[in-house]
Amino acid sequence: MDEKTILIVDDDEDLQILYGLYLRGESYRIERAYNGQEALEKVEKNKPDLIILDIIMPVMDGEEFFTKLRVEKNIRDIPVIVASVNEKISPKLFKLGGIHSTLQKPFSIDTLVGKVRDALSHQ
């Protein structure tokens, strides 16, 4: 079985490290980006199997990144888990398709790992 790659897009380095530690323990390969612009560049170089996406970030926020990913880059098959402090995610994002699930911060690592497993099992 091929090792699945997860791209974590979040401007909080501590959270990225925490998510990465637990997900590496589940034998996933981890890539990190600190904003949407950096994430787009990484997706173009090496398409991940799953994206964990924060919404509120500098340079390019998660909503703009997701829109560019789906519309401009026409990459629709990468499942996305939106992990944000926002209770409400813009309905526009759901209309673009591909949001596997959402997590409201803070959430447990077990919840994250479960959602990741579920998203990757549907590929």
PDB file of N, CA and C in Angstrom:
ATOM      1  N   MET A   1       0.846  -1.180   0.000  1.00  0.00           N
ATOM      2  CA  MET A   1       0.000   0.000   0.000  1.00  0.00           C
ATOM      3  C   MET A   1       0.892   1.243   0.000  1.00  0.00           C
ATOM      4  N   ASP A   2       0.579   2.185  -0.881  1.00  0.00           N
ATOM      5  CA  ASP A   2       1.340   3.418  -0.962  1.00  0.00           C
ATOM      6  C   ASP A   2       1.074   4.298   0.246  1.00  0.00           C
ATOM      7  N   GLU A   3       2.121   4.993   0.671  1.00  0.00           N
ATOM      8  CA  GLU A   3       1.990   5.939   1.761  1.00  0.00           C
ATOM      9  C   GLU A   3       1.198   7.148   1.263  1.00  0.00           C
ATOM     10  N   LYS A   4       0.147   7.517   1.972  1.00  0.00           N
ATOM     11  CA  LYS A   4      -0.692   8.651   1.600  1.00  0.00           C
ATOM     12  C   LYS A   4      -0.060   9.947   2.093  1.00  0.00           C
ATOM     13  N   THR A   5      -0.163  10.980   1.264  1.00  0.00           N
ATOM     14  CA  THR A   5       0.381  12.295   1.603  1.00  0.00           C
ATOM     15  C   THR A   5      -0.741  13.226   2.023  1.00  0.00           C
ATOM     16  N   ILE A   6      -0.526  13.896   3.152  1.00  0.00           N
ATOM     17  CA  ILE A   6      -1.479  14.867   3.666  1.00  0.00           C
ATOM     18  C   ILE A   6      -0.806  16.230   3.689  1.00  0.00           C
ATOM     19  N   LEU A   7      -1.465  17.214   3.101  1.00  0.00           N
ATOM     20  CA  LEU A   7      -0.985  18.589   3.138  1.00  0.00           C
ATOM     21  C   LEU A   7      -1.758  19.326   4.221  1.00  0.00           C
ATOM     22  N   ILE A   8      -1.032  19.806   5.238  1.00  0.00           N
ATOM     23  CA  ILE A   8      -1.633  20.581   6.320  1.00  0.00           C
ATOM     24  C   ILE A   8      -1.413  22.054   5.997  1.00  0.00           C
ATOM     25  N   VAL A   9      -2.510  22.796   5.843  1.00  0.00           N
ATOM     26  CA  VAL A   9      -2.442  24.214   5.494  1.00  0.00           C
ATOM     27  C   VAL A   9      -2.977  25.002   6.683  1.00  0.00           C
ATOM     28  N   ASP A  10      -2.065  25.575   7.458  1.00  0.00           N
ATOM     29  CA  ASP A  10      -2.443  26.307   8.668  1.00  0.00           C
ATOM     30  C   ASP A  10      -1.294  27.245   9.013  1.00  0.00           C
ATOM     31  N   ASP A  11      -1.620  28.460   9.429  1.00  0.00           N
ATOM     32  CA  ASP A  11      -0.563  29.423   9.770  1.00  0.00           C
ATOM     33  C   ASP A  11      -0.035  29.238  11.186  1.00  0.00           C
ATOM     34  N   ASP A  12      -0.611  28.327  11.945  1.00  0.00           N
ATOM     35  CA  ASP A  12      -0.173  28.051  13.313  1.00  0.00           C
ATOM     36  C   ASP A  12       0.832  26.896  13.293  1.00  0.00           C
ATOM     37  N   GLU A  13       2.103  27.224  13.447  1.00  0.00           N
ATOM     38  CA  GLU A  13       3.150  26.201  13.361  1.00  0.00           C
ATOM     39  C   GLU A  13       3.000  25.130  14.440  1.00  0.00           C
ATOM     40  N   ASP A  14       2.597  25.522  15.649  1.00  0.00           N
ATOM     41  CA  ASP A  14       2.421  24.545  16.727  1.00  0.00           C
ATOM     42  C   ASP A  14       1.368  23.506  16.361  1.00  0.00           C
ATOM     43  N   LEU A  15       0.262  23.959  15.790  1.00  0.00           N
ATOM     44  CA  LEU A  15      -0.778  23.012  15.372  1.00  0.00           C
ATOM     45  C   LEU A  15      -0.281  22.118  14.252  1.00  0.00           C
ATOM     46  N   GLN A  16       0.454  22.677  13.320  1.00  0.00           N
ATOM     47  CA  GLN A  16       1.004  21.861  12.237  1.00  0.00           C
ATOM     48  C   GLN A  16       1.900  20.752  12.782  1.00  0.00           C
ATOM     49  N   ILE A  17       2.747  21.115  13.726  1.00  0.00           N
ATOM     50  CA  ILE A  17       3.651  20.127  14.330  1.00  0.00           C
ATOM     51  C   ILE A  17       2.851  19.055  15.053  1.00  0.00           C
ATOM     52  N   LEU A  18       1.860  19.470  15.829  1.00  0.00           N
ATOM     53  CA  LEU A  18       1.028  18.515  16.568  1.00  0.00           C
ATOM     54  C   LEU A  18       0.296  17.565  15.629  1.00  0.00           C
ATOM     55  N   TYR A  19      -0.392  18.120  14.632  1.00  0.00           N
ATOM     56  CA  TYR A  19      -1.106  17.268  13.668  1.00  0.00           C
ATOM     57  C   TYR A  19      -0.127  16.315  12.995  1.00  0.00           C
ATOM     58  N   GLY A  20       1.010  16.866  12.572  1.00  0.00           N
ATOM     59  CA  GLY A  20       2.001  16.064  11.866  1.00  0.00           C
ATOM     60  C   GLY A  20       2.528  14.907  12.688  1.00  0.00           C
ATOM     61  N   LEU A  21       2.804  15.154  13.957  1.00  0.00           N
ATOM     62  CA  LEU A  21       3.307  14.081  14.829  1.00  0.00           C
ATOM     63  C   LEU A  21       2.328  12.911  14.895  1.00  0.00           C
ATOM     64  N   TYR A  22       1.079  13.222  15.111  1.00  0.00           N
ATOM     65  CA  TYR A  22       0.079  12.157  15.238  1.00  0.00           C
ATOM     66  C   TYR A  22      -0.198  11.476  13.900  1.00  0.00           C
ATOM     67  N   LEU A  23      -0.248  12.242  12.835  1.00  0.00           N
ATOM     68  CA  LEU A  23      -0.545  11.641  11.537  1.00  0.00           C
ATOM     69  C   LEU A  23       0.641  10.844  11.000  1.00  0.00           C
ATOM     70  N   ARG A  24       1.867  11.281  11.284  1.00  0.00           N
ATOM     71  CA  ARG A  24       3.034  10.462  10.919  1.00  0.00           C
ATOM     72  C   ARG A  24       2.988   9.133  11.663  1.00  0.00           C
ATOM     73  N   GLY A  25       2.512   9.176  12.897  1.00  0.00           N
ATOM     74  CA  GLY A  25       2.363   7.953  13.681  1.00  0.00           C
ATOM     75  C   GLY A  25       1.376   6.978  13.057  1.00  0.00           C
ATOM     76  N   GLU A  26       0.501   7.488  12.215  1.00  0.00           N
ATOM     77  CA  GLU A  26      -0.458   6.653  11.481  1.00  0.00           C
ATOM     78  C   GLU A  26       0.093   6.270  10.101  1.00  0.00           C
ATOM     79  N   SER A  27       1.373   6.554   9.877  1.00  0.00           N
ATOM     80  CA  SER A  27       2.091   6.223   8.633  1.00  0.00           C
ATOM     81  C   SER A  27       1.674   7.069   7.437  1.00  0.00           C
ATOM     82  N   TYR A  28       1.293   8.303   7.669  1.00  0.00           N
ATOM     83  CA  TYR A  28       1.024   9.233   6.576  1.00  0.00           C
ATOM     84  C   TYR A  28       2.256  10.107   6.371  1.00  0.00           C
ATOM     85  N   ARG A  29       2.473  10.512   5.134  1.00  0.00           N
ATOM     86  CA  ARG A  29       3.532  11.470   4.803  1.00  0.00           C
ATOM     87  C   ARG A  29       2.933  12.862   4.930  1.00  0.00           C
ATOM     88  N   ILE A  30       3.640  13.763   5.584  1.00  0.00           N
ATOM     89  CA  ILE A  30       3.107  15.094   5.876  1.00  0.00           C
ATOM     90  C   ILE A  30       3.861  16.169   5.106  1.00  0.00           C
ATOM     91  N   GLU A  31       3.101  17.038   4.466  1.00  0.00           N
ATOM     92  CA  GLU A  31       3.612  18.258   3.849  1.00  0.00           C
ATOM     93  C   GLU A  31       2.940  19.409   4.584  1.00  0.00           C
ATOM     94  N   ARG A  32       3.611  20.556   4.651  1.00  0.00           N
ATOM     95  CA  ARG A  32       3.038  21.695   5.374  1.00  0.00           C
ATOM     96  C   ARG A  32       3.104  22.957   4.527  1.00  0.00           C
ATOM     97  N   ALA A  33       2.070  23.789   4.682  1.00  0.00           N
ATOM     98  CA  ALA A  33       2.034  25.116   4.061  1.00  0.00           C
ATOM     99  C   ALA A  33       1.418  26.062   5.084  1.00  0.00           C
ATOM    100  N   TYR A  34       1.914  27.300   5.094  1.00  0.00           N
ATOM    101  CA  TYR A  34       1.477  28.268   6.107  1.00  0.00           C
ATOM    102  C   TYR A  34       0.437  29.258   5.607  1.00  0.00           C
ATOM    103  N   ASN A  35       0.098  29.178   4.324  1.00  0.00           N
ATOM    104  CA  ASN A  35      -0.963  30.019   3.765  1.00  0.00           C
ATOM    105  C   ASN A  35      -1.413  29.392   2.449  1.00  0.00           C
ATOM    106  N   GLY A  36      -2.484  29.943   1.897  1.00  0.00           N
ATOM    107  CA  GLY A  36      -3.046  29.376   0.676  1.00  0.00           C
ATOM    108  C   GLY A  36      -2.133  29.455  -0.527  1.00  0.00           C
ATOM    109  N   GLN A  37      -1.363  30.533  -0.637  1.00  0.00           N
ATOM    110  CA  GLN A  37      -0.457  30.678  -1.774  1.00  0.00           C
ATOM    111  C   GLN A  37       0.612  29.583  -1.755  1.00  0.00           C
ATOM    112  N   GLU A  38       1.201  29.380  -0.598  1.00  0.00           N
ATOM    113  CA  GLU A  38       2.210  28.320  -0.457  1.00  0.00           C
ATOM    114  C   GLU A  38       1.578  26.951  -0.727  1.00  0.00           C
ATOM    115  N   ALA A  39       0.349  26.767  -0.280  1.00  0.00           N
ATOM    116  CA  ALA A  39      -0.344  25.494  -0.498  1.00  0.00           C
ATOM    117  C   ALA A  39      -0.582  25.235  -1.982  1.00  0.00           C
ATOM    118  N   LEU A  40      -0.992  26.259  -2.725  1.00  0.00           N
ATOM    119  CA  LEU A  40      -1.191  26.086  -4.170  1.00  0.00           C
ATOM    120  C   LEU A  40       0.096  25.652  -4.850  1.00  0.00           C
ATOM    121  N   GLU A  41       1.196  26.262  -4.467  1.00  0.00           N
ATOM    122  CA  GLU A  41       2.489  25.897  -5.052  1.00  0.00           C
ATOM    123  C   GLU A  41       2.828  24.441  -4.740  1.00  0.00           C
ATOM    124  N   LYS A  42       2.570  24.014  -3.521  1.00  0.00           N
ATOM    125  CA  LYS A  42       2.878  22.629  -3.143  1.00  0.00           C
ATOM    126  C   LYS A  42       1.982  21.639  -3.879  1.00  0.00           C
ATOM    127  N   VAL A  43       0.695  21.977  -4.028  1.00  0.00           N
ATOM    128  CA  VAL A  43      -0.236  21.091  -4.732  1.00  0.00           C
ATOM    129  C   VAL A  43       0.184  20.931  -6.192  1.00  0.00           C
ATOM    130  N   GLU A  44       0.656  22.009  -6.804  1.00  0.00           N
ATOM    131  CA  GLU A  44       1.087  21.946  -8.198  1.00  0.00           C
ATOM    132  C   GLU A  44       2.332  21.070  -8.366  1.00  0.00           C
ATOM    133  N   LYS A  45       3.218  21.069  -7.379  1.00  0.00           N
ATOM    134  CA  LYS A  45       4.448  20.276  -7.453  1.00  0.00           C
ATOM    135  C   LYS A  45       4.203  18.804  -7.138  1.00  0.00           C
ATOM    136  N   ASN A  46       3.401  18.560  -6.106  1.00  0.00           N
ATOM    137  CA  ASN A  46       3.181  17.186  -5.646  1.00  0.00           C
ATOM    138  C   ASN A  46       1.777  17.082  -5.077  1.00  0.00           C
ATOM    139  N   LYS A  47       0.860  16.577  -5.865  1.00  0.00           N
ATOM    140  CA  LYS A  47      -0.545  16.515  -5.475  1.00  0.00           C
ATOM    141  C   LYS A  47      -0.733  15.589  -4.258  1.00  0.00           C
ATOM    142  N   PRO A  48      -1.263  16.137  -3.159  1.00  0.00           N
ATOM    143  CA  PRO A  48      -1.480  15.309  -1.974  1.00  0.00           C
ATOM    144  C   PRO A  48      -2.742  14.448  -2.105  1.00  0.00           C
ATOM    145  N   ASP A  49      -2.867  13.481  -1.220  1.00  0.00           N
ATOM    146  CA  ASP A  49      -4.062  12.630  -1.182  1.00  0.00           C
ATOM    147  C   ASP A  49      -5.181  13.268  -0.375  1.00  0.00           C
ATOM    148  N   LEU A  50      -4.810  14.212   0.509  1.00  0.00           N
ATOM    149  CA  LEU A  50      -5.779  14.866   1.386  1.00  0.00           C
ATOM    150  C   LEU A  50      -5.214  16.206   1.820  1.00  0.00           C
ATOM    151  N   ILE A  51      -6.105  17.195   2.008  1.00  0.00           N
ATOM    152  CA  ILE A  51      -5.701  18.504   2.513  1.00  0.00           C
ATOM    153  C   ILE A  51      -6.482  18.789   3.794  1.00  0.00           C
ATOM    154  N   ILE A  52      -5.761  19.192   4.841  1.00  0.00           N
ATOM    155  CA  ILE A  52      -6.383  19.708   6.059  1.00  0.00           C
ATOM    156  C   ILE A  52      -6.202  21.219   5.985  1.00  0.00           C
ATOM    157  N   LEU A  53      -7.310  21.958   5.945  1.00  0.00           N
ATOM    158  CA  LEU A  53      -7.278  23.368   5.598  1.00  0.00           C
ATOM    159  C   LEU A  53      -7.872  24.262   6.677  1.00  0.00           C
ATOM    160  N   ASP A  54      -7.054  25.215   7.130  1.00  0.00           N
ATOM    161  CA  ASP A  54      -7.534  26.287   8.000  1.00  0.00           C
ATOM    162  C   ASP A  54      -8.152  27.351   7.097  1.00  0.00           C
ATOM    163  N   ILE A  55      -9.058  28.159   7.633  1.00  0.00           N
ATOM    164  CA  ILE A  55      -9.682  29.205   6.834  1.00  0.00           C
ATOM    165  C   ILE A  55      -8.999  30.553   7.032  1.00  0.00           C
ATOM    166  N   ILE A  56      -8.722  30.927   8.272  1.00  0.00           N
ATOM    167  CA  ILE A  56      -8.163  32.244   8.564  1.00  0.00           C
ATOM    168  C   ILE A  56      -6.637  32.167   8.562  1.00  0.00           C
ATOM    169  N   MET A  57      -6.028  32.726   7.488  1.00  0.00           N
ATOM    170  CA  MET A  57      -4.574  32.730   7.330  1.00  0.00           C
ATOM    171  C   MET A  57      -4.168  34.005   6.608  1.00  0.00           C
ATOM    172  N   PRO A  58      -2.908  34.420   6.767  1.00  0.00           N
ATOM    173  CA  PRO A  58      -2.413  35.591   6.024  1.00  0.00           C
ATOM    174  C   PRO A  58      -2.107  35.222   4.572  1.00  0.00           C
ATOM    175  N   VAL A  59      -1.807  36.196   3.779  1.00  0.00           N
ATOM    176  CA  VAL A  59      -1.417  36.101   2.368  1.00  0.00           C
ATOM    177  C   VAL A  59      -2.593  35.641   1.502  1.00  0.00           C
ATOM    178  N   MET A  60      -3.022  34.408   1.672  1.00  0.00           N
ATOM    179  CA  MET A  60      -4.199  33.885   0.983  1.00  0.00           C
ATOM    180  C   MET A  60      -4.934  32.998   1.968  1.00  0.00           C
ATOM    181  N   ASP A  61      -6.181  33.345   2.273  1.00  0.00           N
ATOM    182  CA  ASP A  61      -6.925  32.556   3.258  1.00  0.00           C
ATOM    183  C   ASP A  61      -7.412  31.238   2.656  1.00  0.00           C
ATOM    184  N   GLY A  62      -7.976  30.410   3.511  1.00  0.00           N
ATOM    185  CA  GLY A  62      -8.410  29.085   3.085  1.00  0.00           C
ATOM    186  C   GLY A  62      -9.527  29.109   2.059  1.00  0.00           C
ATOM    187  N   GLU A  63     -10.422  30.082   2.184  1.00  0.00           N
ATOM    188  CA  GLU A  63     -11.523  30.174   1.222  1.00  0.00           C
ATOM    189  C   GLU A  63     -11.006  30.496  -0.174  1.00  0.00           C
ATOM    190  N   GLU A  64     -10.088  31.456  -0.269  1.00  0.00           N
ATOM    191  CA  GLU A  64      -9.523  31.813  -1.577  1.00  0.00           C
ATOM    192  C   GLU A  64      -8.716  30.643  -2.144  1.00  0.00           C
ATOM    193  N   PHE A  65      -7.927  29.988  -1.291  1.00  0.00           N
ATOM    194  CA  PHE A  65      -7.157  28.822  -1.736  1.00  0.00           C
ATOM    195  C   PHE A  65      -8.076  27.746  -2.302  1.00  0.00           C
ATOM    196  N   PHE A  66      -9.127  27.417  -1.561  1.00  0.00           N
ATOM    197  CA  PHE A  66     -10.034  26.349  -1.975  1.00  0.00           C
ATOM    198  C   PHE A  66     -10.700  26.705  -3.306  1.00  0.00           C
ATOM    199  N   THR A  67     -11.110  27.956  -3.446  1.00  0.00           N
ATOM    200  CA  THR A  67     -11.738  28.396  -4.686  1.00  0.00           C
ATOM    201  C   THR A  67     -10.766  28.279  -5.846  1.00  0.00           C
ATOM    202  N   LYS A  68      -9.528  28.730  -5.673  1.00  0.00           N
ATOM    203  CA  LYS A  68      -8.521  28.630  -6.733  1.00  0.00           C
ATOM    204  C   LYS A  68      -8.217  27.168  -7.065  1.00  0.00           C
ATOM    205  N   LEU A  69      -8.143  26.338  -6.044  1.00  0.00           N
ATOM    206  CA  LEU A  69      -7.862  24.916  -6.245  1.00  0.00           C
ATOM    207  C   LEU A  69      -8.941  24.286  -7.117  1.00  0.00           C
ATOM    208  N   ARG A  70     -10.192  24.554  -6.785  1.00  0.00           N
ATOM    209  CA  ARG A  70     -11.307  23.921  -7.493  1.00  0.00           C
ATOM    210  C   ARG A  70     -11.625  24.571  -8.835  1.00  0.00           C
ATOM    211  N   VAL A  71     -11.547  25.897  -8.918  1.00  0.00           N
ATOM    212  CA  VAL A  71     -11.971  26.605 -10.123  1.00  0.00           C
ATOM    213  C   VAL A  71     -10.811  26.836 -11.087  1.00  0.00           C
ATOM    214  N   GLU A  72      -9.774  27.539 -10.633  1.00  0.00           N
ATOM    215  CA  GLU A  72      -8.668  27.880 -11.539  1.00  0.00           C
ATOM    216  C   GLU A  72      -7.811  26.672 -11.879  1.00  0.00           C
ATOM    217  N   LYS A  73      -7.470  25.882 -10.880  1.00  0.00           N
ATOM    218  CA  LYS A  73      -6.589  24.727 -11.107  1.00  0.00           C
ATOM    219  C   LYS A  73      -7.373  23.497 -11.520  1.00  0.00           C
ATOM    220  N   ASN A  74      -8.697  23.553 -11.342  1.00  0.00           N
ATOM    221  CA  ASN A  74      -9.592  22.455 -11.698  1.00  0.00           C
ATOM    222  C   ASN A  74      -9.167  21.130 -11.057  1.00  0.00           C
ATOM    223  N   ILE A  75      -8.714  21.234  -9.829  1.00  0.00           N
ATOM    224  CA  ILE A  75      -8.352  20.028  -9.073  1.00  0.00           C
ATOM    225  C   ILE A  75      -9.499  19.743  -8.120  1.00  0.00           C
ATOM    226  N   ARG A  76     -10.295  18.774  -8.479  1.00  0.00           N
ATOM    227  CA  ARG A  76     -11.526  18.511  -7.734  1.00  0.00           C
ATOM    228  C   ARG A  76     -11.485  17.202  -6.939  1.00  0.00           C
ATOM    229  N   ASP A  77     -10.494  16.379  -7.192  1.00  0.00           N
ATOM    230  CA  ASP A  77     -10.531  15.049  -6.595  1.00  0.00           C
ATOM    231  C   ASP A  77      -9.780  14.934  -5.271  1.00  0.00           C
ATOM    232  N   ILE A  78      -9.155  16.004  -4.801  1.00  0.00           N
ATOM    233  CA  ILE A  78      -8.468  15.943  -3.512  1.00  0.00           C
ATOM    234  C   ILE A  78      -9.489  16.240  -2.414  1.00  0.00           C
ATOM    235  N   PRO A  79      -9.741  15.285  -1.515  1.00  0.00           N
ATOM    236  CA  PRO A  79     -10.661  15.587  -0.421  1.00  0.00           C
ATOM    237  C   PRO A  79     -10.035  16.600   0.543  1.00  0.00           C
ATOM    238  N   VAL A  80     -10.894  17.436   1.127  1.00  0.00           N
ATOM    239  CA  VAL A  80     -10.444  18.483   2.030  1.00  0.00           C
ATOM    240  C   VAL A  80     -11.199  18.372   3.347  1.00  0.00           C
ATOM    241  N   ILE A  81     -10.445  18.448   4.441  1.00  0.00           N
ATOM    242  CA  ILE A  81     -11.032  18.579   5.774  1.00  0.00           C
ATOM    243  C   ILE A  81     -10.777  20.017   6.204  1.00  0.00           C
ATOM    244  N   VAL A  82     -11.848  20.768   6.424  1.00  0.00           N
ATOM    245  CA  VAL A  82     -11.710  22.152   6.872  1.00  0.00           C
ATOM    246  C   VAL A  82     -11.634  22.137   8.392  1.00  0.00           C
ATOM    247  N   ALA A  83     -10.532  22.668   8.928  1.00  0.00           N
ATOM    248  CA  ALA A  83     -10.303  22.733  10.377  1.00  0.00           C
ATOM    249  C   ALA A  83     -10.160  24.198  10.748  1.00  0.00           C
ATOM    250  N   SER A  84     -11.187  24.764  11.368  1.00  0.00           N
ATOM    251  CA  SER A  84     -11.179  26.204  11.603  1.00  0.00           C
ATOM    252  C   SER A  84     -11.855  26.550  12.925  1.00  0.00           C
ATOM    253  N   VAL A  85     -11.545  27.738  13.436  1.00  0.00           N
ATOM    254  CA  VAL A  85     -12.230  28.229  14.627  1.00  0.00           C
ATOM    255  C   VAL A  85     -13.618  28.742  14.258  1.00  0.00           C
ATOM    256  N   ASN A  86     -13.844  29.018  12.980  1.00  0.00           N
ATOM    257  CA  ASN A  86     -15.147  29.493  12.532  1.00  0.00           C
ATOM    258  C   ASN A  86     -16.199  28.412  12.695  1.00  0.00           C
ATOM    259  N   GLU A  87     -17.312  28.769  13.280  1.00  0.00           N
ATOM    260  CA  GLU A  87     -18.407  27.811  13.380  1.00  0.00           C
ATOM    261  C   GLU A  87     -19.069  27.594  12.034  1.00  0.00           C
ATOM    262  N   LYS A  88     -19.149  28.648  11.253  1.00  0.00           N
ATOM    263  CA  LYS A  88     -19.830  28.552   9.965  1.00  0.00           C
ATOM    264  C   LYS A  88     -18.814  28.622   8.836  1.00  0.00           C
ATOM    265  N   ILE A  89     -18.908  27.671   7.949  1.00  0.00           N
ATOM    266  CA  ILE A  89     -18.084  27.648   6.752  1.00  0.00           C
ATOM    267  C   ILE A  89     -18.958  28.182   5.621  1.00  0.00           C
ATOM    268  N   SER A  90     -18.385  29.004   4.780  1.00  0.00           N
ATOM    269  CA  SER A  90     -19.140  29.605   3.687  1.00  0.00           C
ATOM    270  C   SER A  90     -19.819  28.533   2.831  1.00  0.00           C
ATOM    271  N   PRO A  91     -21.125  28.678   2.599  1.00  0.00           N
ATOM    272  CA  PRO A  91     -21.835  27.723   1.737  1.00  0.00           C
ATOM    273  C   PRO A  91     -21.221  27.635   0.335  1.00  0.00           C
ATOM    274  N   LYS A  92     -20.577  28.724  -0.095  1.00  0.00           N
ATOM    275  CA  LYS A  92     -19.917  28.746  -1.404  1.00  0.00           C
ATOM    276  C   LYS A  92     -18.887  27.625  -1.516  1.00  0.00           C
ATOM    277  N   LEU A  93     -18.176  27.365  -0.422  1.00  0.00           N
ATOM    278  CA  LEU A  93     -17.156  26.314  -0.458  1.00  0.00           C
ATOM    279  C   LEU A  93     -17.785  24.944  -0.659  1.00  0.00           C
ATOM    280  N   PHE A  94     -18.888  24.695   0.006  1.00  0.00           N
ATOM    281  CA  PHE A  94     -19.553  23.398  -0.136  1.00  0.00           C
ATOM    282  C   PHE A  94     -20.065  23.205  -1.564  1.00  0.00           C
ATOM    283  N   LYS A  95     -20.508  24.292  -2.200  1.00  0.00           N
ATOM    284  CA  LYS A  95     -21.004  24.211  -3.573  1.00  0.00           C
ATOM    285  C   LYS A  95     -19.898  23.829  -4.548  1.00  0.00           C
ATOM    286  N   LEU A  96     -18.652  24.186  -4.233  1.00  0.00           N
ATOM    287  CA  LEU A  96     -17.531  23.834  -5.104  1.00  0.00           C
ATOM    288  C   LEU A  96     -17.204  22.340  -5.038  1.00  0.00           C
ATOM    289  N   GLY A  97     -17.643  21.684  -3.973  1.00  0.00           N
ATOM    290  CA  GLY A  97     -17.464  20.243  -3.847  1.00  0.00           C
ATOM    291  C   GLY A  97     -16.113  19.845  -3.288  1.00  0.00           C
ATOM    292  N   GLY A  98     -16.081  18.672  -2.689  1.00  0.00           N
ATOM    293  CA  GLY A  98     -14.829  18.107  -2.223  1.00  0.00           C
ATOM    294  C   GLY A  98     -14.512  18.320  -0.759  1.00  0.00           C
ATOM    295  N   ILE A  99     -15.400  19.018  -0.025  1.00  0.00           N
ATOM    296  CA  ILE A  99     -15.163  19.120   1.415  1.00  0.00           C
ATOM    297  C   ILE A  99     -15.678  17.831   2.037  1.00  0.00           C
ATOM    298  N   HIS A 100     -14.751  17.048   2.535  1.00  0.00           N
ATOM    299  CA  HIS A 100     -15.123  15.768   3.131  1.00  0.00           C
ATOM    300  C   HIS A 100     -15.796  15.980   4.471  1.00  0.00           C
ATOM    301  N   SER A 101     -15.219  16.863   5.282  1.00  0.00           N
ATOM    302  CA  SER A 101     -15.787  17.130   6.602  1.00  0.00           C
ATOM    303  C   SER A 101     -15.204  18.421   7.151  1.00  0.00           C
ATOM    304  N   THR A 102     -15.769  18.854   8.276  1.00  0.00           N
ATOM    305  CA  THR A 102     -15.273  20.047   8.946  1.00  0.00           C
ATOM    306  C   THR A 102     -14.983  19.716  10.404  1.00  0.00           C
ATOM    307  N   LEU A 103     -14.033  20.439  10.953  1.00  0.00           N
ATOM    308  CA  LEU A 103     -13.674  20.320  12.365  1.00  0.00           C
ATOM    309  C   LEU A 103     -13.609  21.718  12.937  1.00  0.00           C
ATOM    310  N   GLN A 104     -14.269  21.940  14.041  1.00  0.00           N
ATOM    311  CA  GLN A 104     -14.176  23.239  14.693  1.00  0.00           C
ATOM    312  C   GLN A 104     -13.110  23.162  15.773  1.00  0.00           C
ATOM    313  N   LYS A 105     -12.115  24.071  15.660  1.00  0.00           N
ATOM    314  CA  LYS A 105     -11.036  24.122  16.652  1.00  0.00           C
ATOM    315  C   LYS A 105     -11.587  24.673  17.950  1.00  0.00           C
ATOM    316  N   PRO A 106     -11.142  24.160  19.075  1.00  0.00           N
ATOM    317  CA  PRO A 106     -10.223  23.022  19.239  1.00  0.00           C
ATOM    318  C   PRO A 106     -10.968  21.690  19.104  1.00  0.00           C
ATOM    319  N   PHE A 107     -10.263  20.680  18.654  1.00  0.00           N
ATOM    320  CA  PHE A 107     -10.823  19.336  18.529  1.00  0.00           C
ATOM    321  C   PHE A 107      -9.763  18.350  18.990  1.00  0.00           C
ATOM    322  N   SER A 108     -10.196  17.141  19.281  1.00  0.00           N
ATOM    323  CA  SER A 108      -9.255  16.131  19.772  1.00  0.00           C
ATOM    324  C   SER A 108      -8.467  15.538  18.604  1.00  0.00           C
ATOM    325  N   ILE A 109      -7.288  15.076  18.911  1.00  0.00           N
ATOM    326  CA  ILE A 109      -6.457  14.419  17.902  1.00  0.00           C
ATOM    327  C   ILE A 109      -7.138  13.146  17.416  1.00  0.00           C
ATOM    328  N   ASP A 110      -7.818  12.442  18.304  1.00  0.00           N
ATOM    329  CA  ASP A 110      -8.547  11.231  17.891  1.00  0.00           C
ATOM    330  C   ASP A 110      -9.602  11.560  16.845  1.00  0.00           C
ATOM    331  N   THR A 111     -10.278  12.690  17.020  1.00  0.00           N
ATOM    332  CA  THR A 111     -11.283  13.111  16.045  1.00  0.00           C
ATOM    333  C   THR A 111     -10.619  13.397  14.704  1.00  0.00           C
ATOM    334  N   LEU A 112      -9.497  14.095  14.731  1.00  0.00           N
ATOM    335  CA  LEU A 112      -8.765  14.393  13.502  1.00  0.00           C
ATOM    336  C   LEU A 112      -8.337  13.108  12.796  1.00  0.00           C
ATOM    337  N   VAL A 113      -7.717  12.209  13.526  1.00  0.00           N
ATOM    338  CA  VAL A 113      -7.231  10.959  12.940  1.00  0.00           C
ATOM    339  C   VAL A 113      -8.400  10.166  12.340  1.00  0.00           C
ATOM    340  N   GLY A 114      -9.523  10.136  13.043  1.00  0.00           N
ATOM    341  CA  GLY A 114     -10.702   9.427  12.531  1.00  0.00           C
ATOM    342  C   GLY A 114     -11.214  10.023  11.227  1.00  0.00           C
ATOM    343  N   LYS A 115     -11.261  11.351  11.154  1.00  0.00           N
ATOM    344  CA  LYS A 115     -11.734  12.015   9.929  1.00  0.00           C
ATOM    345  C   LYS A 115     -10.755  11.786   8.782  1.00  0.00           C
ATOM    346  N   VAL A 116      -9.453  11.810   9.086  1.00  0.00           N
ATOM    347  CA  VAL A 116      -8.443  11.558   8.057  1.00  0.00           C
ATOM    348  C   VAL A 116      -8.588  10.135   7.525  1.00  0.00           C
ATOM    349  N   ARG A 117      -8.684   9.163   8.399  1.00  0.00           N
ATOM    350  CA  ARG A 117      -8.846   7.768   7.969  1.00  0.00           C
ATOM    351  C   ARG A 117     -10.077   7.618   7.089  1.00  0.00           C
ATOM    352  N   ASP A 118     -11.174   8.221   7.531  1.00  0.00           N
ATOM    353  CA  ASP A 118     -12.427   8.130   6.789  1.00  0.00           C
ATOM    354  C   ASP A 118     -12.286   8.751   5.399  1.00  0.00           C
ATOM    355  N   ALA A 119     -11.707   9.940   5.321  1.00  0.00           N
ATOM    356  CA  ALA A 119     -11.546  10.621   4.034  1.00  0.00           C
ATOM    357  C   ALA A 119     -10.675   9.811   3.083  1.00  0.00           C
ATOM    358  N   LEU A 120      -9.599   9.251   3.590  1.00  0.00           N
ATOM    359  CA  LEU A 120      -8.683   8.505   2.737  1.00  0.00           C
ATOM    360  C   LEU A 120      -9.240   7.133   2.355  1.00  0.00           C
ATOM    361  N   SER A 121     -10.148   6.597   3.134  1.00  0.00           N
ATOM    362  CA  SER A 121     -10.749   5.306   2.811  1.00  0.00           C
ATOM    363  C   SER A 121     -11.738   5.411   1.656  1.00  0.00           C
ATOM    364  N   HIS A 122     -12.181   6.616   1.339  1.00  0.00           N
ATOM    365  CA  HIS A 122     -13.129   6.827   0.247  1.00  0.00           C
ATOM    366  C   HIS A 122     -12.445   7.132  -1.082  1.00  0.00           C
ATOM    367  N   GLN A 123     -11.145   7.025  -1.131  1.00  0.00           N
ATOM    368  CA  GLN A 123     -10.432   7.323  -2.382  1.00  0.00           C
ATOM    369  C   GLN A 123     -10.321   6.090  -3.236  1.00  0.00           C
TER     370      GLN A 123
END
